[in-house]
Amino acid sequence: MNDANQTWVEQIFLVPPSLRDNTADADRLLAALRNRLETDTIIAEIGLLRDLPDRLRQWGYQARCILFSDGNVFYLVDVTDPKGQPPCAGLAVDLGTTRVVTRLINLETGAVLAETSFENPQTAIGDDILTRIHYADRPGGLDHLRDLIIDGLNRAIGELCHQAGIGTTDIYLLAVSGNTTMTHLFLKLPPRWIIREPYIPAVNTPGIVKAAELGIDANPRARVFFFPSVGSYFGGDLISGILFGKLHRSDATSLLVDVGTNAEVVLGNREWLIACAGAAGPALEGGVAKIGAKAGPGVIDTIAINAATGDITFDTIEHSAPKAICGSALIDLVAHLFAGGILDIRGKLVPEKAPGRIETDDGIMAYVVVPAGQSATGQALVFSQPDIDNIIRSKAAMYTILETLTASVGLALSDIDTFCVAGTFGSLINPRSAITIGMLPDLPIERFRVLGNSSLEGAALLLSSRHPVTEIAAIRNRITYLELNVNQEFMNRFSAAKFLPHTDTTLFPSVTVPAFASSLPDKMRKMVSFEAAASIC
C-alpha cells in the first residue's frame, strides 16, 4: 500500500468562502492543490470548472481530487465525492504485439482490483509488425487497425469492471506501455516511416491524451499516459521495464533482456544506460520451428532427456496432450540434445547417438520428440535440422547482441552484476539451458533475476504512485541507443557464436562439451579454431 500523499488521489478540505474571503471556487481548490503538490502548474479544463461550484457546496467544500502528470505539469482530471463508495480506478495496459494484458488498480491504495489478457485483435491482419505497417498504408487500413485494438481493449475493460464490481466511469487514469509501432497504431499515428530509412517515428513522447478522444470506455474526463519511446525499435515497454527493474537506480551494473518481436536489451546503472535491439526474438519464442508455438494449452513448456536411456520427459501447459513446443522448451531441448551428444558443436544431428529417434525425410534429418500416437494432432512432433539451424542462429544473435553491447562500454559479460530477463519468455526460460547452448552468458545462476511482465508492472507502478512519472523522462533521456545494423563487430562476433556453446569455449567454463566434438574431421576442427581466433581478435 502507498502513503496517501504519494498517490494520484488527494483528499482536500477547504475553508468555505465568506464575505471576508471571496476567493473563487476554482482558485481556492487549485491553490490548495498547488501547496499540497508543491507545484506551480495545475491545469483544470473548462468542463470541470463548470461543475465545480455545485460539487464543492454539495460536499461541504471537501473533495477527492484525481490528478495526473506527464512529468512537467499536473492535470486536475476530476473531483469526486470524498465519501463516495466506488474506488477511483486506474488501468495499466501492456500493449503487446501478440497479447495485451490489462490490470485494474485502486488509485488510492495501489491494490489490484482485477486483471485479464487477450490476444491482440490486430493479429488477424498479421502476426508481425511489418505486415501491420504495410496494411496501415492501405485506404482505411490505419483506421481498421486502430478500431481493432480499441474494441478489444473496451471488451477487456467491461470484463474487468464486472469482476471488480465498478462501472467504466470509475476509471480515471490509464497507463499504456507498448513498443513504438503498437503505440502508433493505438493512437492512429502513421507508422510507415518507422521501417523506412532513416527509421523515424511520428512521435517518441505522446504524453497524456484524453481517453474519450481515443474511444476508450472510461470516465469522460479520463486521461491516458503513454510511455515514451527512444526510437523506432526501442519502445515504451522497455522504458516501463527499466522503471520496474530499477536499473536506473542501481549502483551495480545490470542487464535487462526482453524477448518478443525483437530481442531488446538495456545495460547500465544509475550513472548511464545503453540499449540496442536485434532480430533474435521469433525463433526463441517458438515462432520459427515447425513444432514451435507461443505458450498456450497443450504446448510443451518444459522438456528433458535422460542421458543414460534417451527417454524424454516433458510437461505441457494445462497438462493436456502435446501439440507444439514453446520457445523456452525448444531451448531446453537443444541443451539436452547437445549435452547428450545428439547434436555436435555445429548443431548438427548425430544419428548414431539416438537410434530410433532420428529419422530422415527427403534427405533432411529430424529428431522425433513426440511420436504420432502420443500427440494431440495425431502427427509426430519432430525437430528437424532446419528448425535446429534456426534456433542456433537465433541464440547466436542473442548472445552477440549481449556481447556487442557490453563490449561497446568496455565491459565483459562476466562483469554484469545482475542479469534481468523479462516477458513471458523470460518467465519460462531455464537459464541453465540457455547457458548450455550459448544463448546467455555463463554467469552464476544467482545473478539471474526474472522480472515477469515488466511492461505491465511498470505501467501499474506509475498508477500506484505519482513519483515514477518524474523518473520516466529521466530514464528516456539517459539512454544511448546502439545501432547494430551498421556495427561490423556484431557480424564478426555473430559468426563465432553459431556453434554450441561457442567457438571460444573459455567463455562457457561451466558447459561440458561432449567428447565426440574432438573427433570432428580435421577440416572442421580447423574451422572452429579459426572462428575462435576471430572471436578474440
Protein backbone atom coordinates (compact mmCIF):
# COMPACT_ATOMS: atom_id res chain seq x y z
CA MET A 1 0.00 0.00 0.00
CA ASN A 2 1.21 3.53 -0.78
CA ASP A 3 1.18 6.51 1.51
CA ALA A 4 -1.81 8.67 0.55
CA ASN A 5 0.36 11.68 -0.21
CA GLN A 6 2.16 9.70 -2.93
CA THR A 7 -0.87 8.68 -4.98
CA TRP A 8 -2.79 10.38 -7.76
CA VAL A 9 -5.79 10.89 -5.46
CA GLU A 10 -5.76 13.78 -2.96
CA GLN A 11 -8.37 14.38 -0.29
CA ILE A 12 -8.78 18.15 0.01
CA PHE A 13 -10.53 20.03 2.84
CA LEU A 14 -11.16 23.70 2.04
CA VAL A 15 -12.21 26.64 4.18
CA PRO A 16 -15.61 27.67 2.76
CA PRO A 17 -15.82 31.16 1.23
CA SER A 18 -17.22 34.11 3.17
CA LEU A 19 -17.65 37.86 2.82
CA ARG A 20 -14.13 38.19 4.18
CA ASP A 21 -12.75 35.53 1.85
CA ASN A 22 -14.27 35.78 -1.61
CA THR A 23 -11.65 33.67 -3.43
CA ALA A 24 -13.17 31.95 -6.47
CA ASP A 25 -14.03 28.26 -6.07
CA ALA A 26 -11.51 27.05 -8.66
CA ASP A 27 -8.77 29.36 -7.36
CA ARG A 28 -9.41 28.13 -3.83
CA LEU A 29 -9.14 24.47 -4.83
CA LEU A 30 -6.13 24.90 -7.13
CA ALA A 31 -4.25 26.91 -4.52
CA ALA A 32 -4.71 24.09 -2.01
CA LEU A 33 -3.53 21.53 -4.56
CA ARG A 34 -0.50 23.60 -5.57
CA ASN A 35 0.50 23.83 -1.93
CA ARG A 36 -0.05 20.10 -1.37
CA LEU A 37 1.80 19.03 -4.51
CA GLU A 38 4.49 21.72 -4.32
CA THR A 39 3.97 22.74 -7.93
CA ASP A 40 3.14 25.96 -9.75
CA THR A 41 1.26 24.37 -12.66
CA ILE A 42 -2.06 22.55 -12.40
CA ILE A 43 -4.39 22.54 -15.39
CA ALA A 44 -8.18 22.22 -14.94
CA GLU A 45 -10.32 22.17 -18.05
CA ILE A 46 -13.42 24.33 -18.51
CA GLY A 47 -15.83 21.39 -18.35
CA LEU A 48 -14.68 20.54 -14.85
CA LEU A 49 -14.77 24.19 -13.77
CA ARG A 50 -18.43 24.38 -14.81
CA ASP A 51 -19.30 21.56 -12.40
CA LEU A 52 -17.04 22.63 -9.57
CA PRO A 53 -19.19 25.23 -7.71
CA ASP A 54 -22.17 22.93 -7.21
CA ARG A 55 -20.00 19.96 -6.29
CA LEU A 56 -17.97 21.81 -3.66
CA ARG A 57 -21.10 23.16 -1.98
CA GLN A 58 -22.78 19.77 -2.09
CA TRP A 59 -19.78 18.16 -0.39
CA GLY A 60 -19.15 20.89 2.19
CA TYR A 61 -16.02 22.11 0.43
CA GLN A 62 -14.38 18.74 0.63
CA ALA A 63 -13.35 16.80 -2.46
CA ARG A 64 -11.49 13.77 -3.66
CA CYS A 65 -9.24 15.09 -6.45
CA ILE A 66 -7.90 12.81 -9.19
CA LEU A 67 -4.69 14.15 -10.71
CA PHE A 68 -2.26 13.08 -13.40
CA SER A 69 1.02 14.39 -14.75
CA ASP A 70 3.31 13.96 -17.72
CA GLY A 71 6.31 14.88 -15.60
CA ASN A 72 6.05 18.57 -16.46
CA VAL A 73 2.57 19.75 -15.47
CA PHE A 74 -0.24 18.38 -13.34
CA TYR A 75 -3.76 17.87 -14.69
CA LEU A 76 -6.78 18.01 -12.41
CA VAL A 77 -8.69 15.21 -14.09
CA ASP A 78 -11.83 15.26 -11.94
CA VAL A 79 -13.20 15.86 -8.44
CA THR A 80 -15.46 13.31 -6.77
CA ASP A 81 -17.43 12.87 -3.58
CA PRO A 82 -14.92 12.37 -0.74
CA LYS A 83 -17.28 9.83 0.82
CA GLY A 84 -18.04 8.03 -2.43
CA GLN A 85 -18.07 4.24 -2.32
CA PRO A 86 -16.71 3.15 -5.75
CA PRO A 87 -12.93 3.34 -5.74
CA CYS A 88 -11.17 5.65 -8.17
CA ALA A 89 -9.63 3.16 -10.58
CA GLY A 90 -6.72 3.16 -13.00
CA LEU A 91 -5.98 0.78 -15.85
CA ALA A 92 -2.46 -0.47 -16.64
CA VAL A 93 -2.07 -1.79 -20.19
CA ASP A 94 0.77 -3.88 -21.59
CA LEU A 95 0.15 -3.28 -25.30
CA GLY A 96 1.86 -6.34 -26.76
CA THR A 97 2.18 -7.17 -30.43
CA THR A 98 0.65 -10.61 -29.83
CA ARG A 99 -1.05 -10.32 -26.45
CA VAL A 100 -2.48 -7.43 -24.45
CA VAL A 101 -2.50 -7.65 -20.65
CA THR A 102 -4.59 -5.30 -18.53
CA ARG A 103 -4.72 -4.67 -14.79
CA LEU A 104 -7.31 -2.62 -12.91
CA ILE A 105 -5.90 -0.77 -9.90
CA ASN A 106 -7.31 1.16 -6.96
CA LEU A 107 -5.65 4.56 -7.39
CA GLU A 108 -5.86 5.36 -3.67
CA THR A 109 -4.30 2.17 -2.34
CA GLY A 110 -2.47 0.58 -5.28
CA ALA A 111 -4.44 -2.64 -4.72
CA VAL A 112 -5.15 -4.82 -7.75
CA LEU A 113 -8.90 -4.94 -8.45
CA ALA A 114 -8.86 -7.31 -11.45
CA GLU A 115 -6.61 -8.50 -14.27
CA THR A 116 -7.16 -10.08 -17.68
CA SER A 117 -5.44 -10.60 -21.02
CA PHE A 118 -6.49 -11.14 -24.61
CA GLU A 119 -4.93 -11.80 -27.98
CA ASN A 120 -4.21 -8.57 -29.81
CA PRO A 121 -7.02 -8.43 -32.42
CA GLN A 122 -4.56 -6.96 -34.91
CA THR A 123 -3.05 -10.44 -35.31
CA ALA A 124 -5.99 -11.06 -37.68
CA ILE A 125 -4.21 -8.69 -40.05
CA GLY A 126 -0.74 -10.10 -39.38
CA ASP A 127 1.27 -11.64 -36.58
CA ASP A 128 4.23 -9.38 -37.25
CA ILE A 129 4.66 -5.63 -37.08
CA LEU A 130 5.87 -5.31 -40.66
CA THR A 131 2.63 -6.71 -42.10
CA ARG A 132 0.56 -4.32 -39.99
CA ILE A 133 2.63 -1.30 -41.01
CA HIS A 134 2.13 -2.15 -44.70
CA TYR A 135 -1.59 -2.71 -44.06
CA ALA A 136 -1.80 0.73 -42.42
CA ASP A 137 -0.75 2.25 -45.76
CA ARG A 138 -3.89 0.92 -47.47
CA PRO A 139 -7.00 3.12 -47.67
CA GLY A 140 -8.77 2.75 -44.32
CA GLY A 141 -6.08 0.38 -43.06
CA LEU A 142 -4.86 2.53 -40.19
CA ASP A 143 -8.43 3.21 -39.05
CA HIS A 144 -9.16 -0.52 -39.09
CA LEU A 145 -6.08 -1.41 -37.06
CA ARG A 146 -6.90 1.29 -34.52
CA ASP A 147 -10.52 0.13 -34.24
CA LEU A 148 -9.45 -3.48 -33.70
CA ILE A 149 -7.28 -2.70 -30.69
CA ILE A 150 -9.67 -0.16 -29.15
CA ASP A 151 -12.61 -2.56 -29.48
CA GLY A 152 -10.55 -5.33 -27.92
CA LEU A 153 -9.48 -3.10 -25.05
CA ASN A 154 -13.05 -1.94 -24.42
CA ARG A 155 -14.23 -5.55 -24.16
CA ALA A 156 -11.48 -6.19 -21.62
CA ILE A 157 -12.46 -3.07 -19.67
CA GLY A 158 -16.04 -4.31 -19.46
CA GLU A 159 -14.84 -7.68 -18.16
CA LEU A 160 -12.52 -6.08 -15.60
CA CYS A 161 -15.19 -3.72 -14.28
CA HIS A 162 -17.62 -6.61 -13.95
CA GLN A 163 -15.03 -8.57 -11.93
CA ALA A 164 -14.31 -5.57 -9.69
CA GLY A 165 -17.94 -4.51 -9.26
CA ILE A 166 -17.41 -0.98 -10.58
CA GLY A 167 -18.52 0.99 -13.64
CA THR A 168 -16.36 2.01 -16.58
CA THR A 169 -16.86 5.65 -15.50
CA ASP A 170 -14.91 4.82 -12.32
CA ILE A 171 -11.74 4.52 -14.44
CA TYR A 172 -9.98 7.89 -14.41
CA LEU A 173 -6.39 7.12 -15.41
CA LEU A 174 -4.75 4.73 -17.86
CA ALA A 175 -1.06 3.94 -18.41
CA VAL A 176 -0.17 2.27 -21.73
CA SER A 177 3.16 0.56 -22.28
CA GLY A 178 3.95 -0.78 -25.73
CA ASN A 179 6.56 -0.81 -28.45
CA THR A 180 6.82 2.14 -30.82
CA THR A 181 4.69 0.63 -33.60
CA MET A 182 1.95 -0.63 -31.29
CA THR A 183 1.72 2.83 -29.71
CA HIS A 184 1.44 4.42 -33.15
CA LEU A 185 -1.35 2.06 -34.21
CA PHE A 186 -3.19 2.65 -30.93
CA LEU A 187 -3.06 6.43 -31.47
CA LYS A 188 -3.73 6.17 -35.22
CA LEU A 189 -0.36 7.74 -35.96
CA PRO A 190 1.17 6.88 -39.37
CA PRO A 191 3.79 4.14 -38.79
CA ARG A 192 5.16 3.89 -42.34
CA TRP A 193 8.38 5.82 -41.68
CA ILE A 194 9.33 3.54 -38.78
CA ILE A 195 10.52 0.89 -41.26
CA ARG A 196 11.96 3.23 -43.89
CA GLU A 197 15.42 4.74 -43.70
CA PRO A 198 16.29 6.71 -41.61
CA TYR A 199 13.61 4.97 -39.49
CA ILE A 200 11.84 7.92 -37.86
CA PRO A 201 8.65 7.52 -35.80
CA ALA A 202 5.92 10.17 -35.90
CA VAL A 203 6.46 10.88 -32.20
CA ASN A 204 8.51 9.45 -29.36
CA THR A 205 6.70 11.15 -26.47
CA PRO A 206 2.91 11.11 -26.94
CA GLY A 207 2.42 12.26 -23.35
CA ILE A 208 -1.13 12.40 -21.97
CA VAL A 209 -4.23 12.04 -24.16
CA LYS A 210 -7.93 12.10 -23.29
CA ALA A 211 -9.42 8.62 -23.24
CA ALA A 212 -12.63 9.91 -24.88
CA GLU A 213 -10.64 11.12 -27.91
CA LEU A 214 -9.40 7.56 -28.42
CA GLY A 215 -12.81 5.95 -27.99
CA ILE A 216 -11.88 4.19 -24.74
CA ASP A 217 -14.72 3.21 -22.39
CA ALA A 218 -13.73 5.11 -19.24
CA ASN A 219 -14.75 8.23 -17.37
CA PRO A 220 -15.43 11.03 -19.90
CA ARG A 221 -12.60 13.03 -18.31
CA ALA A 222 -10.13 10.14 -18.02
CA ARG A 223 -6.56 10.62 -19.19
CA VAL A 224 -4.16 8.15 -20.82
CA PHE A 225 -0.39 8.28 -20.28
CA PHE A 226 1.78 6.66 -22.98
CA PHE A 227 5.26 5.53 -22.03
CA PRO A 228 7.74 7.31 -24.32
CA SER A 229 9.94 5.58 -26.89
CA VAL A 230 13.60 6.15 -27.60
CA GLY A 231 13.19 5.43 -31.31
CA SER A 232 11.66 3.10 -33.86
CA TYR A 233 12.99 -0.08 -32.25
CA PHE A 234 13.14 0.83 -28.58
CA GLY A 235 9.66 1.47 -27.24
CA GLY A 236 7.84 2.49 -24.11
CA ASP A 237 7.58 -1.13 -22.96
CA LEU A 238 11.34 -1.12 -22.35
CA ILE A 239 11.20 2.21 -20.52
CA SER A 240 8.50 0.66 -18.36
CA GLY A 241 10.71 -2.38 -17.78
CA ILE A 242 13.64 -0.25 -16.70
CA LEU A 243 11.37 1.63 -14.30
CA PHE A 244 10.10 -1.61 -12.74
CA GLY A 245 13.51 -3.31 -12.69
CA LYS A 246 15.10 -0.19 -11.12
CA LEU A 247 18.16 -0.38 -13.37
CA HIS A 248 18.29 3.41 -13.32
CA ARG A 249 18.60 3.45 -9.53
CA SER A 250 21.20 0.74 -9.05
CA ASP A 251 24.88 1.30 -8.27
CA ALA A 252 25.60 -2.15 -9.70
CA THR A 253 25.67 -2.71 -13.46
CA SER A 254 22.64 -4.66 -14.65
CA LEU A 255 21.46 -6.02 -17.97
CA LEU A 256 17.79 -6.31 -18.93
CA VAL A 257 16.67 -8.58 -21.78
CA ASP A 258 13.12 -8.69 -23.13
CA VAL A 259 12.49 -11.19 -25.92
CA GLY A 260 9.43 -10.56 -28.06
CA THR A 261 9.16 -9.41 -31.66
CA ASN A 262 12.83 -8.49 -31.24
CA ALA A 263 15.36 -9.13 -28.53
CA GLU A 264 15.66 -5.77 -26.78
CA VAL A 265 18.49 -5.20 -24.35
CA VAL A 266 19.39 -2.47 -21.84
CA LEU A 267 22.68 -2.25 -19.96
CA GLY A 268 23.62 0.21 -17.26
CA ASN A 269 23.20 1.62 -13.78
CA ARG A 270 22.26 4.89 -12.11
CA GLU A 271 25.00 6.73 -14.00
CA TRP A 272 24.38 5.57 -17.56
CA LEU A 273 22.15 3.37 -19.75
CA ILE A 274 22.86 1.97 -23.21
CA ALA A 275 20.44 -0.09 -25.29
CA CYS A 276 20.02 -1.95 -28.56
CA ALA A 277 17.61 -4.30 -30.30
CA GLY A 278 18.03 -7.15 -32.74
CA ALA A 279 16.03 -9.78 -34.60
CA ALA A 280 16.58 -12.70 -32.22
CA GLY A 281 13.02 -12.92 -30.96
CA PRO A 282 10.80 -15.08 -33.21
CA ALA A 283 12.76 -18.34 -33.05
CA LEU A 284 13.33 -18.01 -29.32
CA GLU A 285 9.57 -17.58 -28.87
CA GLY A 286 8.95 -20.77 -30.80
CA GLY A 287 7.85 -18.93 -33.92
CA VAL A 288 10.31 -20.41 -36.44
CA ALA A 289 10.43 -24.15 -35.75
CA LYS A 290 7.56 -26.05 -37.36
CA ILE A 291 6.66 -27.55 -34.00
CA GLY A 292 7.14 -24.21 -32.25
CA ALA A 293 4.30 -22.16 -30.81
CA LYS A 294 3.68 -19.46 -28.28
CA ALA A 295 2.72 -20.58 -24.79
CA GLY A 296 -0.83 -21.98 -24.63
CA PRO A 297 -2.81 -25.12 -23.68
CA GLY A 298 -1.16 -28.29 -24.95
CA VAL A 299 2.15 -26.57 -25.69
CA ILE A 300 5.20 -28.24 -24.15
CA ASP A 301 6.87 -25.77 -21.77
CA THR A 302 9.48 -27.99 -20.10
CA ILE A 303 11.40 -30.91 -21.53
CA ALA A 304 14.31 -33.15 -20.53
CA ILE A 305 16.18 -36.12 -21.97
CA ASN A 306 17.64 -38.86 -19.77
CA ALA A 307 21.30 -39.01 -20.82
CA ALA A 308 21.58 -42.70 -19.91
CA THR A 309 18.39 -44.04 -21.50
CA GLY A 310 17.47 -41.40 -24.06
CA ASP A 311 13.96 -41.24 -22.64
CA ILE A 312 12.16 -37.91 -22.98
CA THR A 313 10.06 -36.36 -20.23
CA PHE A 314 8.02 -33.19 -20.69
CA ASP A 315 5.11 -31.19 -19.36
CA THR A 316 2.52 -29.17 -21.23
CA ILE A 317 0.56 -26.08 -20.29
CA GLU A 318 -2.67 -27.18 -18.59
CA HIS A 319 -1.25 -30.76 -18.72
CA SER A 320 -3.11 -31.59 -21.92
CA ALA A 321 -1.90 -33.71 -24.84
CA PRO A 322 1.13 -32.16 -26.60
CA LYS A 323 0.57 -30.29 -29.84
CA ALA A 324 3.62 -27.99 -30.08
CA ILE A 325 6.67 -26.72 -28.17
CA CYS A 326 7.20 -23.17 -26.87
CA GLY A 327 10.48 -21.29 -27.20
CA SER A 328 11.77 -21.95 -23.69
CA ALA A 329 11.23 -25.71 -24.11
CA LEU A 330 12.97 -25.64 -27.51
CA ILE A 331 16.00 -24.19 -25.74
CA ASP A 332 15.77 -26.98 -23.14
CA LEU A 333 15.56 -29.49 -25.99
CA VAL A 334 18.65 -28.17 -27.79
CA ALA A 335 20.55 -28.09 -24.49
CA HIS A 336 19.71 -31.73 -23.71
CA LEU A 337 20.44 -32.88 -27.26
CA PHE A 338 23.84 -31.20 -27.10
CA ALA A 339 24.66 -32.46 -23.60
CA GLY A 340 23.76 -35.99 -24.70
CA GLY A 341 25.93 -35.81 -27.80
CA ILE A 342 22.94 -35.99 -30.16
CA LEU A 343 23.95 -32.58 -31.53
CA ASP A 344 27.57 -31.76 -32.33
CA ILE A 345 29.13 -28.35 -31.74
CA ARG A 346 27.82 -27.17 -35.12
CA GLY A 347 24.29 -28.01 -34.02
CA LYS A 348 24.08 -30.93 -36.45
CA LEU A 349 22.23 -34.12 -35.56
CA VAL A 350 24.39 -37.21 -34.95
CA PRO A 351 22.20 -40.21 -35.95
CA GLU A 352 24.22 -42.90 -34.17
CA LYS A 353 23.72 -41.13 -30.85
CA ALA A 354 19.92 -41.52 -30.91
CA PRO A 355 18.96 -44.71 -32.75
CA GLY A 356 15.22 -44.92 -33.26
CA ARG A 357 14.73 -41.22 -32.57
CA ILE A 358 16.28 -39.69 -35.68
CA GLU A 359 14.53 -40.14 -39.00
CA THR A 360 15.28 -38.84 -42.49
CA ASP A 361 12.71 -37.43 -44.88
CA ASP A 362 13.81 -36.32 -48.34
CA GLY A 363 17.39 -36.08 -47.14
CA ILE A 364 16.52 -33.93 -44.11
CA MET A 365 17.17 -35.40 -40.66
CA ALA A 366 14.79 -34.80 -37.78
CA TYR A 367 14.60 -35.82 -34.12
CA VAL A 368 11.27 -37.30 -33.04
CA VAL A 369 10.24 -35.56 -29.82
CA VAL A 370 6.70 -36.96 -29.52
CA PRO A 371 5.54 -39.96 -31.59
CA ALA A 372 2.32 -39.57 -33.57
CA GLY A 373 0.36 -41.79 -31.20
CA GLN A 374 1.09 -39.50 -28.23
CA SER A 375 0.47 -36.10 -29.81
CA ALA A 376 -2.77 -34.13 -29.78
CA THR A 377 -2.65 -33.71 -33.54
CA GLY A 378 -2.12 -37.38 -34.40
CA GLN A 379 1.12 -36.40 -36.11
CA ALA A 380 4.61 -36.76 -34.67
CA LEU A 381 6.27 -33.67 -33.26
CA VAL A 382 9.65 -33.68 -34.98
CA PHE A 383 12.53 -31.26 -34.52
CA SER A 384 14.14 -31.03 -37.95
CA GLN A 385 17.66 -29.95 -38.81
CA PRO A 386 16.39 -26.68 -40.41
CA ASP A 387 14.48 -25.98 -37.17
CA ILE A 388 17.65 -26.56 -35.17
CA ASP A 389 19.62 -24.31 -37.50
CA ASN A 390 17.09 -21.52 -36.93
CA ILE A 391 17.44 -21.87 -33.17
CA ILE A 392 21.24 -21.83 -33.45
CA ARG A 393 21.14 -18.62 -35.49
CA SER A 394 18.75 -17.00 -33.05
CA LYS A 395 20.75 -18.00 -29.99
CA ALA A 396 23.89 -16.72 -31.72
CA ALA A 397 22.17 -13.41 -32.43
CA MET A 398 21.02 -13.17 -28.81
CA TYR A 399 24.47 -13.80 -27.39
CA THR A 400 26.10 -11.48 -29.92
CA ILE A 401 23.70 -8.66 -29.04
CA LEU A 402 24.67 -9.05 -25.39
CA GLU A 403 28.37 -9.32 -26.12
CA THR A 404 28.44 -6.36 -28.52
CA LEU A 405 26.50 -4.12 -26.16
CA THR A 406 28.73 -4.82 -23.16
CA ALA A 407 31.90 -4.53 -25.24
CA SER A 408 30.78 -1.10 -26.51
CA VAL A 409 31.26 0.30 -22.98
CA GLY A 410 34.45 -1.63 -22.27
CA LEU A 411 32.87 -4.41 -20.21
CA ALA A 412 32.81 -8.18 -20.48
CA LEU A 413 29.64 -10.16 -19.86
CA SER A 414 31.28 -11.56 -16.73
CA ASP A 415 31.23 -8.01 -15.31
CA ILE A 416 27.41 -7.98 -15.16
CA ASP A 417 26.18 -7.95 -11.57
CA THR A 418 22.51 -8.68 -12.29
CA PHE A 419 21.02 -10.23 -15.43
CA CYS A 420 17.28 -9.45 -15.68
CA VAL A 421 15.01 -11.39 -18.04
CA ALA A 422 11.54 -10.02 -18.79
CA GLY A 423 8.37 -11.03 -20.58
CA THR A 424 6.64 -14.41 -20.87
CA PHE A 425 9.76 -15.90 -22.44
CA GLY A 426 11.88 -14.62 -19.58
CA SER A 427 9.49 -16.11 -17.04
CA LEU A 428 9.67 -19.58 -18.59
CA ILE A 429 13.30 -19.84 -19.67
CA ASN A 430 15.69 -22.10 -17.79
CA PRO A 431 18.93 -20.06 -17.51
CA ARG A 432 20.97 -23.25 -17.23
CA SER A 433 19.70 -24.49 -20.61
CA ALA A 434 20.28 -21.07 -22.20
CA ILE A 435 23.86 -21.07 -20.90
CA THR A 436 24.45 -24.60 -22.17
CA ILE A 437 23.63 -23.66 -25.76
CA GLY A 438 25.50 -20.35 -25.54
CA MET A 439 22.50 -18.06 -25.67
CA LEU A 440 23.03 -16.36 -22.31
CA PRO A 441 26.41 -15.66 -20.70
CA ASP A 442 27.92 -18.20 -18.33
CA LEU A 443 27.14 -16.35 -15.10
CA PRO A 444 26.31 -17.78 -11.67
CA ILE A 445 22.60 -18.64 -11.58
CA GLU A 446 22.06 -16.35 -8.60
CA ARG A 447 22.83 -13.35 -10.80
CA PHE A 448 19.77 -14.02 -12.95
CA ARG A 449 16.57 -12.22 -11.96
CA VAL A 450 13.17 -12.96 -13.52
CA LEU A 451 11.05 -9.80 -13.84
CA GLY A 452 7.95 -11.32 -15.40
CA ASN A 453 5.79 -8.88 -17.35
CA SER A 454 7.92 -5.81 -16.60
CA SER A 455 5.99 -3.75 -19.16
CA LEU A 456 2.73 -4.23 -17.25
CA GLU A 457 4.41 -3.89 -13.86
CA GLY A 458 5.97 -0.56 -14.83
CA ALA A 459 2.59 0.76 -16.00
CA ALA A 460 0.98 -0.42 -12.75
CA LEU A 461 3.77 1.24 -10.76
CA LEU A 462 3.05 4.56 -12.47
CA LEU A 463 -0.63 4.36 -11.49
CA SER A 464 0.09 3.30 -7.91
CA SER A 465 2.29 6.28 -7.10
CA ARG A 466 2.85 9.69 -8.62
CA HIS A 467 6.62 9.68 -8.09
CA PRO A 468 7.62 7.37 -11.00
CA VAL A 469 6.40 9.87 -13.61
CA THR A 470 9.36 12.13 -12.90
CA GLU A 471 11.71 9.17 -13.38
CA ILE A 472 10.34 8.15 -16.78
CA ALA A 473 11.59 11.22 -18.64
CA ALA A 474 14.94 10.95 -16.87
CA ILE A 475 15.26 7.28 -17.91
CA ARG A 476 14.47 8.06 -21.53
CA ASN A 477 16.87 10.98 -21.71
CA ARG A 478 19.69 8.93 -20.17
CA ILE A 479 19.56 6.11 -22.75
CA THR A 480 22.12 5.90 -25.55
CA TYR A 481 20.94 3.70 -28.40
CA LEU A 482 23.46 1.48 -30.20
CA GLU A 483 22.52 0.72 -33.81
CA LEU A 484 23.52 -2.87 -34.63
CA ASN A 485 22.64 -2.75 -38.34
CA VAL A 486 25.83 -0.82 -39.07
CA ASN A 487 28.01 -2.48 -36.44
CA GLN A 488 30.77 -4.59 -38.02
CA GLU A 489 31.79 -6.03 -34.65
CA PHE A 490 28.34 -7.56 -34.37
CA MET A 491 28.76 -9.53 -37.60
CA ASN A 492 32.24 -10.74 -36.62
CA ARG A 493 31.02 -11.97 -33.24
CA PHE A 494 27.87 -13.50 -34.74
CA SER A 495 29.93 -15.92 -36.86
CA ALA A 496 31.81 -17.09 -33.77
CA ALA A 497 28.59 -17.64 -31.80
CA LYS A 498 26.99 -20.05 -34.30
CA PHE A 499 28.43 -23.05 -32.52
CA LEU A 500 27.45 -24.88 -29.31
CA PRO A 501 28.05 -23.23 -26.99
CA HIS A 502 30.57 -21.02 -28.86
CA THR A 503 33.82 -21.32 -30.77
CA ASP A 504 35.60 -19.88 -27.74
CA THR A 505 34.69 -22.44 -25.10
CA THR A 506 36.56 -20.48 -22.41
CA LEU A 507 33.56 -18.14 -22.39
CA PHE A 508 31.46 -21.04 -21.05
CA PRO A 509 33.56 -22.77 -18.39
CA SER A 510 30.55 -24.46 -16.77
CA VAL A 511 29.47 -26.16 -20.02
CA THR A 512 30.92 -29.59 -20.69
CA VAL A 513 31.44 -30.09 -24.42
CA PRO A 514 30.64 -33.73 -25.33
CA ALA A 515 33.69 -35.85 -26.03
CA PHE A 516 32.64 -36.56 -29.60
CA ALA A 517 33.47 -32.94 -30.50
CA SER A 518 37.16 -33.81 -30.51
CA SER A 519 36.51 -36.42 -33.17
CA LEU A 520 35.33 -33.88 -35.73
CA PRO A 521 37.10 -34.01 -39.10
CA ASP A 522 40.36 -32.07 -39.24
CA LYS A 523 38.81 -29.54 -41.62
CA MET A 524 36.02 -28.80 -39.15
CA ARG A 525 38.38 -28.57 -36.18
CA LYS A 526 40.49 -26.04 -38.07
CA MET A 527 37.38 -24.02 -38.92
CA VAL A 528 36.30 -23.98 -35.29
CA SER A 529 39.79 -22.93 -34.22
CA PHE A 530 39.81 -20.16 -36.82
CA GLU A 531 36.40 -18.91 -35.70
CA ALA A 532 37.57 -18.90 -32.07
CA ALA A 533 40.59 -16.85 -33.02
CA ALA A 534 38.41 -14.45 -34.99
CA SER A 535 36.15 -14.01 -32.00
CA ILE A 536 39.09 -12.97 -29.83
CA CYS A 537 40.62 -10.53 -32.31
